[in-house]
C-alpha atoms as a PDB file:
ATOM      1  CA  MET A   1      -4.827 103.469  -1.100  1.00  0.00           C
ATOM      2  CA  SER A   2      -4.119 106.460  -3.269  1.00  0.00           C
ATOM      3  CA  SER A   3      -3.992 109.897  -1.653  1.00  0.00           C
ATOM      4  CA  GLU A   4      -5.385 111.503  -4.804  1.00  0.00           C
ATOM      5  CA  ALA A   5      -9.000 112.595  -4.834  1.00  0.00           C
ATOM      6  CA  PRO A   6     -11.185 110.528  -7.148  1.00  0.00           C
ATOM      7  CA  THR A   7     -11.944 112.140 -10.483  1.00  0.00           C
ATOM      8  CA  ILE A   8     -15.528 112.930 -11.374  1.00  0.00           C
ATOM      9  CA  THR A   9     -16.549 111.175 -14.564  1.00  0.00           C
ATOM     10  CA  ASN A  10     -18.484 112.998 -17.254  1.00  0.00           C
ATOM     11  CA  GLU A  11     -21.586 110.998 -16.321  1.00  0.00           C
ATOM     12  CA  VAL A  12     -21.378 111.986 -12.647  1.00  0.00           C
ATOM     13  CA  GLU A  13     -20.747 115.628 -13.532  1.00  0.00           C
ATOM     14  CA  SER A  14     -23.775 115.506 -15.824  1.00  0.00           C
ATOM     15  CA  LEU A  15     -25.854 114.156 -12.933  1.00  0.00           C
ATOM     16  CA  PHE A  16     -24.527 116.890 -10.607  1.00  0.00           C
ATOM     17  CA  PHE A  17     -25.385 119.519 -13.226  1.00  0.00           C
ATOM     18  CA  ARG A  18     -28.932 118.199 -13.631  1.00  0.00           C
ATOM     19  CA  LEU A  19     -29.453 118.094  -9.864  1.00  0.00           C
ATOM     20  CA  GLU A  20     -28.127 121.628  -9.505  1.00  0.00           C
ATOM     21  CA  HIS A  21     -30.372 122.832 -12.332  1.00  0.00           C
ATOM     22  CA  ALA A  22     -33.407 121.215 -10.682  1.00  0.00           C
ATOM     23  CA  LEU A  23     -32.555 122.870  -7.357  1.00  0.00           C
ATOM     24  CA  TYR A  24     -32.182 126.299  -8.986  1.00  0.00           C
ATOM     25  CA  THR A  25     -35.485 125.767 -10.814  1.00  0.00           C
ATOM     26  CA  ALA A  26     -37.282 124.794  -7.598  1.00  0.00           C
ATOM     27  CA  GLU A  27     -35.863 127.831  -5.832  1.00  0.00           C
ATOM     28  CA  GLY A  28     -36.917 130.131  -8.662  1.00  0.00           C
ATOM     29  CA  MET A  29     -40.433 128.722  -8.706  1.00  0.00           C
ATOM     30  CA  ALA A  30     -40.723 129.078  -4.919  1.00  0.00           C
ATOM     31  CA  THR A  31     -39.565 132.685  -5.150  1.00  0.00           C
ATOM     32  CA  MET A  32     -42.114 133.440  -7.886  1.00  0.00           C
ATOM     33  CA  ILE A  33     -44.916 131.820  -5.903  1.00  0.00           C
ATOM     34  CA  ASN A  34     -43.943 133.774  -2.792  1.00  0.00           C
ATOM     35  CA  GLU A  35     -43.764 137.069  -4.708  1.00  0.00           C
ATOM     36  CA  ASN A  36     -47.169 136.474  -6.322  1.00  0.00           C
ATOM     37  CA  GLU A  37     -48.958 135.619  -3.098  1.00  0.00           C
ATOM     38  CA  PRO A  38     -52.356 137.346  -3.019  1.00  0.00           C
ATOM     39  CA  PRO A  39     -52.794 140.276  -0.603  1.00  0.00           C
ATOM     40  CA  ASP A  40     -55.114 138.112   1.474  1.00  0.00           C
ATOM     41  CA  PRO A  41     -53.147 134.856   1.985  1.00  0.00           C
ATOM     42  CA  ALA A  42     -56.289 133.034   3.085  1.00  0.00           C
ATOM     43  CA  ALA A  43     -58.053 133.844  -0.191  1.00  0.00           C
ATOM     44  CA  HIS A  44     -56.774 130.795  -2.096  1.00  0.00           C
ATOM     45  CA  ALA A  45     -55.084 128.767   0.601  1.00  0.00           C
ATOM     46  CA  ARG A  46     -56.167 125.526   2.143  1.00  0.00           C
ATOM     47  CA  PRO A  47     -56.491 125.496   5.937  1.00  0.00           C
ATOM     48  CA  GLY A  48     -53.039 125.216   7.520  1.00  0.00           C
ATOM     49  CA  TYR A  49     -51.291 126.134   4.255  1.00  0.00           C
ATOM     50  CA  ASN A  50     -48.931 129.103   4.396  1.00  0.00           C
ATOM     51  CA  VAL A  51     -47.393 130.118   1.054  1.00  0.00           C
ATOM     52  CA  HIS A  52     -44.549 132.050   2.659  1.00  0.00           C
ATOM     53  CA  LYS A  53     -43.513 129.173   4.953  1.00  0.00           C
ATOM     54  CA  VAL A  54     -43.675 126.588   2.176  1.00  0.00           C
ATOM     55  CA  SER A  55     -41.712 128.705  -0.310  1.00  0.00           C
ATOM     56  CA  SER A  56     -39.123 129.581   2.364  1.00  0.00           C
ATOM     57  CA  ALA A  57     -38.677 125.880   3.139  1.00  0.00           C
ATOM     58  CA  ILE A  58     -38.236 125.031  -0.554  1.00  0.00           C
ATOM     59  CA  ILE A  59     -35.628 127.777  -0.918  1.00  0.00           C
ATOM     60  CA  ALA A  60     -33.744 126.539   2.164  1.00  0.00           C
ATOM     61  CA  VAL A  61     -33.733 122.935   0.904  1.00  0.00           C
ATOM     62  CA  SER A  62     -32.521 124.095  -2.517  1.00  0.00           C
ATOM     63  CA  GLN A  63     -29.684 126.137  -1.048  1.00  0.00           C
ATOM     64  CA  ARG A  64     -28.616 123.262   1.208  1.00  0.00           C
ATOM     65  CA  GLY A  65     -28.696 120.844  -1.722  1.00  0.00           C
ATOM     66  CA  ARG A  66     -26.502 123.123  -3.830  1.00  0.00           C
ATOM     67  CA  ARG A  67     -24.079 123.498  -0.928  1.00  0.00           C
ATOM     68  CA  LEU A  68     -23.847 119.699  -0.606  1.00  0.00           C
ATOM     69  CA  LEU A  69     -23.251 119.347  -4.352  1.00  0.00           C
ATOM     70  CA  GLY A  70     -20.465 121.921  -4.064  1.00  0.00           C
ATOM     71  CA  GLU A  71     -18.876 119.897  -1.262  1.00  0.00           C
ATOM     72  CA  LEU A  72     -19.080 116.727  -3.358  1.00  0.00           C
ATOM     73  CA  ARG A  73     -17.454 118.467  -6.302  1.00  0.00           C
ATOM     74  CA  ALA A  74     -14.705 119.914  -4.081  1.00  0.00           C
ATOM     75  CA  HIS A  75     -13.969 116.444  -2.679  1.00  0.00           C
ATOM     76  CA  HIS A  76     -13.305 115.036  -6.151  1.00  0.00           C
ATOM     77  CA  GLY A  77     -10.565 115.920  -8.570  1.00  0.00           C
ATOM     78  CA  PRO A  78     -11.132 117.987 -11.685  1.00  0.00           C
ATOM     79  CA  ILE A  79     -13.054 116.492 -14.565  1.00  0.00           C
ATOM     80  CA  THR A  80     -10.907 114.874 -17.204  1.00  0.00           C
ATOM     81  CA  LEU A  81     -12.329 115.401 -20.683  1.00  0.00           C
ATOM     82  CA  HIS A  82     -11.349 112.776 -23.231  1.00  0.00           C
END
């Protein structure tokens, strides 16, 4: 077995980029929703629905996903462009 880290192909890096973009987008949308919550949270909410808790959970999942992508990238060698 080779001791060198595997190299990320252009296709895999493209997938990582798209996943990261989707996570940033989800986090941005959750932040906007949280910031635009009406003064009376019960005004437009369904029973048991808490905008702040849902948006906080989405932000946490997004941040964790980006951290995992960073770990995957760090595990692989640099991208070789042909």
